Amino acid sequence: MYKSIRIIYDSGVEERIDNLLQDRGLKRYIKVPNIHGVWGDKMKHMNTHVWPGTDSVIMLMVDTDMAKKLSEDFKNLKEDLKRDDINAPFVVIFSPVDEIIENDIF
């Protein structure tokens, strides 16, 4: 079984997320940098002088065991950000994968 994971985060914590994935040995993912996001009335990243900053998304698929490890890693990251008083939003979404169709280039 596999899980699809989407990590949506404030680009200010990109290095922490990149390091987390690297530490787990993950080499296959898609990163979409510099997107605009609305996190609520008081938190927007529109890359303007009124609402500075951007967000990013990483998408990947992993087996269920790795998904469990990553879930714990991201829960720990959430606590680390809170402890370090870093108000950088992020959300991690885990979804089951029913089928994977890919070509043979890997």
C-alpha atoms as a PDB file:
ATOM      1  CA  MET A   1       0.000   0.000   0.000  1.00  0.00           C
ATOM      2  CA  TYR A   2       1.082   3.526  -0.759  1.00  0.00           C
ATOM      3  CA  LYS A   3       0.197   6.983   0.507  1.00  0.00           C
ATOM      4  CA  SER A   4       0.163  10.236  -1.394  1.00  0.00           C
ATOM      5  CA  ILE A   5       1.521  13.090   0.698  1.00  0.00           C
ATOM      6  CA  ARG A   6       1.085  16.803   0.059  1.00  0.00           C
ATOM      7  CA  ILE A   7       3.115  19.187   2.182  1.00  0.00           C
ATOM      8  CA  ILE A   8       1.918  22.792   1.932  1.00  0.00           C
ATOM      9  CA  TYR A   9       4.140  25.201   3.823  1.00  0.00           C
ATOM     10  CA  ASP A  10       5.470  28.711   4.348  1.00  0.00           C
ATOM     11  CA  SER A  11       8.586  28.999   2.183  1.00  0.00           C
ATOM     12  CA  GLY A  12      10.423  30.312   5.261  1.00  0.00           C
ATOM     13  CA  VAL A  13      10.642  26.766   6.638  1.00  0.00           C
ATOM     14  CA  GLU A  14      11.687  25.182   3.352  1.00  0.00           C
ATOM     15  CA  GLU A  15      15.153  24.209   4.584  1.00  0.00           C
ATOM     16  CA  ARG A  16      13.685  22.300   7.534  1.00  0.00           C
ATOM     17  CA  ILE A  17      11.322  20.381   5.273  1.00  0.00           C
ATOM     18  CA  ASP A  18      14.032  19.684   2.689  1.00  0.00           C
ATOM     19  CA  ASN A  19      16.316  18.375   5.464  1.00  0.00           C
ATOM     20  CA  LEU A  20      13.551  16.162   6.850  1.00  0.00           C
ATOM     21  CA  LEU A  21      12.985  14.529   3.448  1.00  0.00           C
ATOM     22  CA  GLN A  22      16.714  14.187   2.839  1.00  0.00           C
ATOM     23  CA  ASP A  23      17.247  12.582   6.261  1.00  0.00           C
ATOM     24  CA  ARG A  24      14.610   9.980   5.327  1.00  0.00           C
ATOM     25  CA  GLY A  25      16.436   9.284   2.046  1.00  0.00           C
ATOM     26  CA  LEU A  26      13.542  10.468  -0.125  1.00  0.00           C
ATOM     27  CA  LYS A  27      14.660  11.386  -3.631  1.00  0.00           C
ATOM     28  CA  ARG A  28      11.444  11.259  -5.664  1.00  0.00           C
ATOM     29  CA  TYR A  29       9.054  14.155  -5.195  1.00  0.00           C
ATOM     30  CA  ILE A  30       7.659  17.194  -6.938  1.00  0.00           C
ATOM     31  CA  LYS A  31       8.201  20.664  -5.477  1.00  0.00           C
ATOM     32  CA  VAL A  32       6.137  23.658  -6.532  1.00  0.00           C
ATOM     33  CA  PRO A  33       7.841  26.774  -5.103  1.00  0.00           C
ATOM     34  CA  ASN A  34       6.735  30.379  -4.822  1.00  0.00           C
ATOM     35  CA  ILE A  35       2.970  30.026  -4.781  1.00  0.00           C
ATOM     36  CA  HIS A  36       0.502  32.381  -3.145  1.00  0.00           C
ATOM     37  CA  GLY A  37      -1.569  31.165  -0.236  1.00  0.00           C
ATOM     38  CA  VAL A  38      -4.313  32.395   2.057  1.00  0.00           C
ATOM     39  CA  TRP A  39      -4.170  30.880   5.558  1.00  0.00           C
ATOM     40  CA  GLY A  40      -6.979  33.032   6.961  1.00  0.00           C
ATOM     41  CA  ASP A  41      -7.894  36.669   7.439  1.00  0.00           C
ATOM     42  CA  LYS A  42      -4.627  37.515   9.195  1.00  0.00           C
ATOM     43  CA  MET A  43      -2.159  35.310   7.313  1.00  0.00           C
ATOM     44  CA  LYS A  44      -1.692  35.598   3.574  1.00  0.00           C
ATOM     45  CA  HIS A  45       1.356  35.086   1.389  1.00  0.00           C
ATOM     46  CA  MET A  46       0.778  37.026  -1.814  1.00  0.00           C
ATOM     47  CA  ASN A  47       4.370  38.210  -2.385  1.00  0.00           C
ATOM     48  CA  THR A  48       3.297  41.870  -2.129  1.00  0.00           C
ATOM     49  CA  HIS A  49       4.301  44.692   0.197  1.00  0.00           C
ATOM     50  CA  VAL A  50       0.981  44.275   2.062  1.00  0.00           C
ATOM     51  CA  TRP A  51       1.092  40.466   2.222  1.00  0.00           C
ATOM     52  CA  PRO A  52       4.777  39.443   1.841  1.00  0.00           C
ATOM     53  CA  GLY A  53       6.063  35.915   1.510  1.00  0.00           C
ATOM     54  CA  THR A  54       5.234  32.857  -0.527  1.00  0.00           C
ATOM     55  CA  ASP A  55       4.308  29.241   0.093  1.00  0.00           C
ATOM     56  CA  SER A  56       5.427  25.985  -1.506  1.00  0.00           C
ATOM     57  CA  VAL A  57       4.014  22.506  -2.048  1.00  0.00           C
ATOM     58  CA  ILE A  58       5.811  19.172  -2.135  1.00  0.00           C
ATOM     59  CA  MET A  59       4.005  16.097  -3.457  1.00  0.00           C
ATOM     60  CA  LEU A  60       5.292  12.553  -3.049  1.00  0.00           C
ATOM     61  CA  MET A  61       4.199   8.930  -2.760  1.00  0.00           C
ATOM     62  CA  VAL A  62       5.653   6.536  -0.215  1.00  0.00           C
ATOM     63  CA  ASP A  63       4.818   3.139   1.213  1.00  0.00           C
ATOM     64  CA  THR A  64       2.678   2.945   4.337  1.00  0.00           C
ATOM     65  CA  ASP A  65       5.633   2.340   6.673  1.00  0.00           C
ATOM     66  CA  MET A  66       7.452   5.445   5.444  1.00  0.00           C
ATOM     67  CA  ALA A  67       4.207   7.431   5.693  1.00  0.00           C
ATOM     68  CA  LYS A  68       3.971   6.536   9.398  1.00  0.00           C
ATOM     69  CA  LYS A  69       7.560   7.691   9.958  1.00  0.00           C
ATOM     70  CA  LEU A  70       6.938  10.930   8.094  1.00  0.00           C
ATOM     71  CA  SER A  71       3.765  11.555  10.083  1.00  0.00           C
ATOM     72  CA  GLU A  72       5.810  11.411  13.290  1.00  0.00           C
ATOM     73  CA  ASP A  73       8.527  13.589  11.731  1.00  0.00           C
ATOM     74  CA  PHE A  74       6.013  16.272  10.797  1.00  0.00           C
ATOM     75  CA  LYS A  75       4.349  16.168  14.213  1.00  0.00           C
ATOM     76  CA  ASN A  76       7.800  16.722  15.719  1.00  0.00           C
ATOM     77  CA  LEU A  77       8.469  19.565  13.282  1.00  0.00           C
ATOM     78  CA  LYS A  78       5.208  21.196  14.342  1.00  0.00           C
ATOM     79  CA  GLU A  79       6.332  21.058  17.973  1.00  0.00           C
ATOM     80  CA  ASP A  80       9.808  22.350  17.057  1.00  0.00           C
ATOM     81  CA  LEU A  81       8.314  25.348  15.257  1.00  0.00           C
ATOM     82  CA  LYS A  82       6.073  26.071  18.222  1.00  0.00           C
ATOM     83  CA  ARG A  83       9.002  25.758  20.659  1.00  0.00           C
ATOM     84  CA  ASP A  84      11.162  28.043  18.484  1.00  0.00           C
ATOM     85  CA  ASP A  85       8.265  30.559  18.350  1.00  0.00           C
ATOM     86  CA  ILE A  86       8.149  30.375  14.556  1.00  0.00           C
ATOM     87  CA  ASN A  87       4.680  31.225  13.278  1.00  0.00           C
ATOM     88  CA  ALA A  88       5.084  29.517   9.911  1.00  0.00           C
ATOM     89  CA  PRO A  89       2.000  27.666   8.760  1.00  0.00           C
ATOM     90  CA  PHE A  90       2.172  24.277   7.157  1.00  0.00           C
ATOM     91  CA  VAL A  91      -0.198  21.398   6.572  1.00  0.00           C
ATOM     92  CA  VAL A  92       0.555  17.793   5.625  1.00  0.00           C
ATOM     93  CA  ILE A  93      -2.155  15.739   3.913  1.00  0.00           C
ATOM     94  CA  PHE A  94      -1.934  11.942   3.697  1.00  0.00           C
ATOM     95  CA  SER A  95      -4.217  10.156   1.213  1.00  0.00           C
ATOM     96  CA  PRO A  96      -4.450   6.490   0.213  1.00  0.00           C
ATOM     97  CA  VAL A  97      -3.261   5.578  -3.283  1.00  0.00           C
ATOM     98  CA  ASP A  98      -5.487   3.170  -5.189  1.00  0.00           C
ATOM     99  CA  GLU A  99      -3.323   2.799  -8.261  1.00  0.00           C
ATOM    100  CA  ILE A 100      -0.030   4.070  -9.662  1.00  0.00           C
ATOM    101  CA  ILE A 101       0.672   4.248 -13.382  1.00  0.00           C
ATOM    102  CA  GLU A 102       4.170   5.369 -14.330  1.00  0.00           C
ATOM    103  CA  ASN A 103       6.626   4.821 -17.135  1.00  0.00           C
ATOM    104  CA  ASP A 104       9.892   2.863 -16.915  1.00  0.00           C
ATOM    105  CA  ILE A 105      12.380   5.743 -16.760  1.00  0.00           C
ATOM    106  CA  PHE A 106      13.078   5.351 -13.049  1.00  0.00           C
END
